[in-house]
Amino acid sequence: MAAQATMTIGSLRIILFALIGGLVMITGAASLMRTQGEIAPVPAAQTVLPIVVALVLASSVAIAFALRARLVTEAAKQKDVSLQLLREDKVPQALGAATIISAALFEGPGLLGAVTVLLGGPWYCLAAPILAIFAMVWLLPSRDRFKEALRSSG
């Protein structure tokens, strides 16, 4: 079966920028609301939720890297077709899926960390959205990055 294109590299970049922008806005709003004392602290946010944030972050990162490696390997099985799609500024389906799913897996714990801070959890839980933002920036697609991933996988 030939590799199929799902979208252009530019479209995929827009999706990631939207995810990053949303996470930045939610984290900023949660931090602002917390500093203004608009929401009463929730006791579980100070004890249980930081542990949950750490566990969700660790598991999401592990799943994202494992899934990304598998999907890149899948695209590398049809390296010639995948490289041709990239030359046409199109993203092979497996690489597009790897990028979007990985970004979503990073975004989840980031949102949880922001909500934990909003609910009165420790400020260090903001590390989750900050790490998520950096991870999604790292995922931003380019033709060269995808080509390198295909070459190193095959």
C-alpha atoms as a PDB file:
ATOM      1  CA  MET A   1       0.000   0.000   0.000  1.00  0.00           C
ATOM      2  CA  ALA A   2       1.396   3.410  -0.953  1.00  0.00           C
ATOM      3  CA  ALA A   3       1.884   6.142   1.625  1.00  0.00           C
ATOM      4  CA  GLN A   4      -0.953   8.643   1.538  1.00  0.00           C
ATOM      5  CA  ALA A   5      -0.752  12.363   2.189  1.00  0.00           C
ATOM      6  CA  THR A   6      -3.162  13.770   4.742  1.00  0.00           C
ATOM      7  CA  MET A   7      -2.231  17.470   4.623  1.00  0.00           C
ATOM      8  CA  THR A   8       0.501  19.909   3.810  1.00  0.00           C
ATOM      9  CA  ILE A   9       3.385  20.688   6.143  1.00  0.00           C
ATOM     10  CA  GLY A  10       2.003  24.225   6.557  1.00  0.00           C
ATOM     11  CA  SER A  11      -1.401  22.890   7.649  1.00  0.00           C
ATOM     12  CA  LEU A  12       0.244  20.642  10.209  1.00  0.00           C
ATOM     13  CA  ARG A  13       2.279  23.571  11.554  1.00  0.00           C
ATOM     14  CA  ILE A  14      -0.932  25.598  11.953  1.00  0.00           C
ATOM     15  CA  ILE A  15      -2.508  22.779  13.973  1.00  0.00           C
ATOM     16  CA  LEU A  16       0.497  22.657  16.297  1.00  0.00           C
ATOM     17  CA  PHE A  17       0.594  26.440  16.668  1.00  0.00           C
ATOM     18  CA  ALA A  18      -3.106  26.341  17.608  1.00  0.00           C
ATOM     19  CA  LEU A  19      -2.453  23.681  20.266  1.00  0.00           C
ATOM     20  CA  ILE A  20       0.509  25.646  21.624  1.00  0.00           C
ATOM     21  CA  GLY A  21      -1.454  28.914  21.612  1.00  0.00           C
ATOM     22  CA  GLY A  22      -4.377  27.329  23.426  1.00  0.00           C
ATOM     23  CA  LEU A  23      -2.136  25.866  26.091  1.00  0.00           C
ATOM     24  CA  VAL A  24      -0.338  29.201  26.578  1.00  0.00           C
ATOM     25  CA  MET A  25      -3.660  31.042  26.944  1.00  0.00           C
ATOM     26  CA  ILE A  26      -5.173  28.537  29.358  1.00  0.00           C
ATOM     27  CA  THR A  27      -2.007  28.440  31.459  1.00  0.00           C
ATOM     28  CA  GLY A  28      -1.854  32.236  31.524  1.00  0.00           C
ATOM     29  CA  ALA A  29      -5.527  32.545  32.465  1.00  0.00           C
ATOM     30  CA  ALA A  30      -5.206  29.903  35.186  1.00  0.00           C
ATOM     31  CA  SER A  31      -2.136  31.610  36.639  1.00  0.00           C
ATOM     32  CA  LEU A  32      -3.812  35.014  36.560  1.00  0.00           C
ATOM     33  CA  MET A  33      -6.982  33.746  38.189  1.00  0.00           C
ATOM     34  CA  ARG A  34      -4.926  31.988  40.848  1.00  0.00           C
ATOM     35  CA  THR A  35      -2.917  35.115  41.714  1.00  0.00           C
ATOM     36  CA  GLN A  36      -6.127  37.146  41.955  1.00  0.00           C
ATOM     37  CA  GLY A  37      -7.691  34.588  44.316  1.00  0.00           C
ATOM     38  CA  GLU A  38     -10.815  34.194  42.206  1.00  0.00           C
ATOM     39  CA  ILE A  39     -11.181  30.490  42.986  1.00  0.00           C
ATOM     40  CA  ALA A  40     -11.110  28.905  46.424  1.00  0.00           C
ATOM     41  CA  PRO A  41      -8.269  26.355  46.778  1.00  0.00           C
ATOM     42  CA  VAL A  42      -9.225  22.689  46.591  1.00  0.00           C
ATOM     43  CA  PRO A  43      -7.375  20.534  49.180  1.00  0.00           C
ATOM     44  CA  ALA A  44      -6.801  17.662  46.741  1.00  0.00           C
ATOM     45  CA  ALA A  45      -5.049  20.096  44.395  1.00  0.00           C
ATOM     46  CA  GLN A  46      -2.287  20.476  46.961  1.00  0.00           C
ATOM     47  CA  THR A  47      -1.803  16.789  47.740  1.00  0.00           C
ATOM     48  CA  VAL A  48      -3.134  14.362  45.143  1.00  0.00           C
ATOM     49  CA  LEU A  49      -3.186  16.308  41.882  1.00  0.00           C
ATOM     50  CA  PRO A  50       0.556  17.086  41.739  1.00  0.00           C
ATOM     51  CA  ILE A  51       1.240  13.343  41.872  1.00  0.00           C
ATOM     52  CA  VAL A  52      -1.372  12.731  39.180  1.00  0.00           C
ATOM     53  CA  VAL A  53       0.181  15.464  37.002  1.00  0.00           C
ATOM     54  CA  ALA A  54       3.621  13.853  37.320  1.00  0.00           C
ATOM     55  CA  LEU A  55       2.297  10.367  36.518  1.00  0.00           C
ATOM     56  CA  VAL A  56       0.232  11.543  33.554  1.00  0.00           C
ATOM     57  CA  LEU A  57       3.159  13.562  32.215  1.00  0.00           C
ATOM     58  CA  ALA A  58       5.597  10.654  32.512  1.00  0.00           C
ATOM     59  CA  SER A  59       3.232   8.154  30.915  1.00  0.00           C
ATOM     60  CA  SER A  60       2.220  10.543  28.118  1.00  0.00           C
ATOM     61  CA  VAL A  61       5.837  11.262  27.217  1.00  0.00           C
ATOM     62  CA  ALA A  62       6.665   7.547  27.134  1.00  0.00           C
ATOM     63  CA  ILE A  63       3.627   6.755  24.989  1.00  0.00           C
ATOM     64  CA  ALA A  64       4.293   9.688  22.647  1.00  0.00           C
ATOM     65  CA  PHE A  65       7.888   8.662  21.977  1.00  0.00           C
ATOM     66  CA  ALA A  66       7.014   4.977  21.507  1.00  0.00           C
ATOM     67  CA  LEU A  67       4.091   5.749  19.211  1.00  0.00           C
ATOM     68  CA  ARG A  68       6.075   8.310  17.224  1.00  0.00           C
ATOM     69  CA  ALA A  69       8.911   5.817  16.689  1.00  0.00           C
ATOM     70  CA  ARG A  70       6.464   3.189  15.478  1.00  0.00           C
ATOM     71  CA  LEU A  71       4.671   5.532  13.078  1.00  0.00           C
ATOM     72  CA  VAL A  72       7.942   6.914  11.673  1.00  0.00           C
ATOM     73  CA  THR A  73       9.077   3.323  11.094  1.00  0.00           C
ATOM     74  CA  GLU A  74       5.802   2.686   9.285  1.00  0.00           C
ATOM     75  CA  ALA A  75       6.396   5.685   7.011  1.00  0.00           C
ATOM     76  CA  ALA A  76      10.013   4.592   6.447  1.00  0.00           C
ATOM     77  CA  LYS A  77       8.802   1.260   5.021  1.00  0.00           C
ATOM     78  CA  GLN A  78       7.695   3.276   1.994  1.00  0.00           C
ATOM     79  CA  LYS A  79      10.593   5.705   2.115  1.00  0.00           C
ATOM     80  CA  ASP A  80      10.620   6.584  -1.595  1.00  0.00           C
ATOM     81  CA  VAL A  81       6.910   7.435  -1.661  1.00  0.00           C
ATOM     82  CA  SER A  82       7.163   9.317   1.637  1.00  0.00           C
ATOM     83  CA  LEU A  83      10.136  11.347   0.413  1.00  0.00           C
ATOM     84  CA  GLN A  84       8.294  12.176  -2.816  1.00  0.00           C
ATOM     85  CA  LEU A  85       5.295  13.428  -0.820  1.00  0.00           C
ATOM     86  CA  LEU A  86       7.621  15.588   1.275  1.00  0.00           C
ATOM     87  CA  ARG A  87       9.170  17.060  -1.890  1.00  0.00           C
ATOM     88  CA  GLU A  88       5.607  18.074  -2.851  1.00  0.00           C
ATOM     89  CA  ASP A  89       5.203  19.735   0.597  1.00  0.00           C
ATOM     90  CA  LYS A  90       2.762  17.027   1.673  1.00  0.00           C
ATOM     91  CA  VAL A  91       2.930  15.005   4.869  1.00  0.00           C
ATOM     92  CA  PRO A  92       2.748  11.199   4.687  1.00  0.00           C
ATOM     93  CA  GLN A  93      -0.214  10.003   6.718  1.00  0.00           C
ATOM     94  CA  ALA A  94       1.889   8.160   9.311  1.00  0.00           C
ATOM     95  CA  LEU A  95       4.102  11.204   9.956  1.00  0.00           C
ATOM     96  CA  GLY A  96       1.099  13.513  10.253  1.00  0.00           C
ATOM     97  CA  ALA A  97      -0.590  11.141  12.666  1.00  0.00           C
ATOM     98  CA  ALA A  98       2.611  10.808  14.700  1.00  0.00           C
ATOM     99  CA  THR A  99       2.886  14.573  15.024  1.00  0.00           C
ATOM    100  CA  ILE A 100      -0.740  15.270  15.946  1.00  0.00           C
ATOM    101  CA  ILE A 101      -1.060  12.367  18.372  1.00  0.00           C
ATOM    102  CA  SER A 102       2.250  13.212  20.058  1.00  0.00           C
ATOM    103  CA  ALA A 103       1.199  16.850  20.424  1.00  0.00           C
ATOM    104  CA  ALA A 104      -2.114  15.800  21.972  1.00  0.00           C
ATOM    105  CA  LEU A 105      -0.308  13.470  24.354  1.00  0.00           C
ATOM    106  CA  PHE A 106       1.932  16.360  25.447  1.00  0.00           C
ATOM    107  CA  GLU A 107      -0.959  18.827  25.690  1.00  0.00           C
ATOM    108  CA  GLY A 108      -3.034  16.696  28.087  1.00  0.00           C
ATOM    109  CA  PRO A 109      -0.655  16.790  31.065  1.00  0.00           C
ATOM    110  CA  GLY A 110       0.040  20.455  30.323  1.00  0.00           C
ATOM    111  CA  LEU A 111      -3.640  21.287  30.684  1.00  0.00           C
ATOM    112  CA  LEU A 112      -3.864  19.180  33.838  1.00  0.00           C
ATOM    113  CA  GLY A 113      -0.919  21.061  35.347  1.00  0.00           C
ATOM    114  CA  ALA A 114      -2.529  24.424  34.549  1.00  0.00           C
ATOM    115  CA  VAL A 115      -5.858  23.361  36.069  1.00  0.00           C
ATOM    116  CA  THR A 116      -4.056  22.023  39.143  1.00  0.00           C
ATOM    117  CA  VAL A 117      -2.466  25.442  39.704  1.00  0.00           C
ATOM    118  CA  LEU A 118      -5.840  27.102  39.116  1.00  0.00           C
ATOM    119  CA  LEU A 119      -7.356  24.923  41.816  1.00  0.00           C
ATOM    120  CA  GLY A 120      -4.697  25.949  44.339  1.00  0.00           C
ATOM    121  CA  GLY A 121      -2.053  23.320  43.657  1.00  0.00           C
ATOM    122  CA  PRO A 122       1.651  24.066  43.982  1.00  0.00           C
ATOM    123  CA  TRP A 123       3.149  26.477  41.464  1.00  0.00           C
ATOM    124  CA  TYR A 124       5.692  23.869  40.382  1.00  0.00           C
ATOM    125  CA  CYS A 125       2.844  22.129  38.548  1.00  0.00           C
ATOM    126  CA  LEU A 126       3.317  24.847  35.913  1.00  0.00           C
ATOM    127  CA  ALA A 127       6.328  22.793  34.852  1.00  0.00           C
ATOM    128  CA  ALA A 128       3.889  20.446  33.059  1.00  0.00           C
ATOM    129  CA  PRO A 129       2.481  23.057  30.640  1.00  0.00           C
ATOM    130  CA  ILE A 130       5.926  24.588  30.149  1.00  0.00           C
ATOM    131  CA  LEU A 131       7.405  21.192  29.254  1.00  0.00           C
ATOM    132  CA  ALA A 132       4.406  20.471  27.033  1.00  0.00           C
ATOM    133  CA  ILE A 133       4.906  23.740  25.153  1.00  0.00           C
ATOM    134  CA  PHE A 134       8.595  23.007  24.597  1.00  0.00           C
ATOM    135  CA  ALA A 135       7.760  19.459  23.448  1.00  0.00           C
ATOM    136  CA  MET A 136       5.181  20.740  20.952  1.00  0.00           C
ATOM    137  CA  VAL A 137       7.636  23.334  19.631  1.00  0.00           C
ATOM    138  CA  TRP A 138      10.122  20.472  19.204  1.00  0.00           C
ATOM    139  CA  LEU A 139       7.463  18.630  17.177  1.00  0.00           C
ATOM    140  CA  LEU A 140       6.903  21.524  14.749  1.00  0.00           C
ATOM    141  CA  PRO A 141       7.199  19.926  11.337  1.00  0.00           C
ATOM    142  CA  SER A 142       9.499  20.834   8.518  1.00  0.00           C
ATOM    143  CA  ARG A 143      10.465  18.982   5.381  1.00  0.00           C
ATOM    144  CA  ASP A 144      14.051  18.543   6.618  1.00  0.00           C
ATOM    145  CA  ARG A 145      12.978  17.196  10.014  1.00  0.00           C
ATOM    146  CA  PHE A 146      10.661  14.639   8.414  1.00  0.00           C
ATOM    147  CA  LYS A 147      13.329  13.601   5.899  1.00  0.00           C
ATOM    148  CA  GLU A 148      15.848  13.144   8.698  1.00  0.00           C
ATOM    149  CA  ALA A 149      13.345  11.067  10.704  1.00  0.00           C
ATOM    150  CA  LEU A 150      12.761   8.818   7.692  1.00  0.00           C
ATOM    151  CA  ARG A 151      16.473   8.391   7.019  1.00  0.00           C
ATOM    152  CA  SER A 152      17.361   7.629  10.619  1.00  0.00           C
ATOM    153  CA  SER A 153      14.491   5.166  10.943  1.00  0.00           C
ATOM    154  CA  GLY A 154      15.282   3.141   7.856  1.00  0.00           C
END
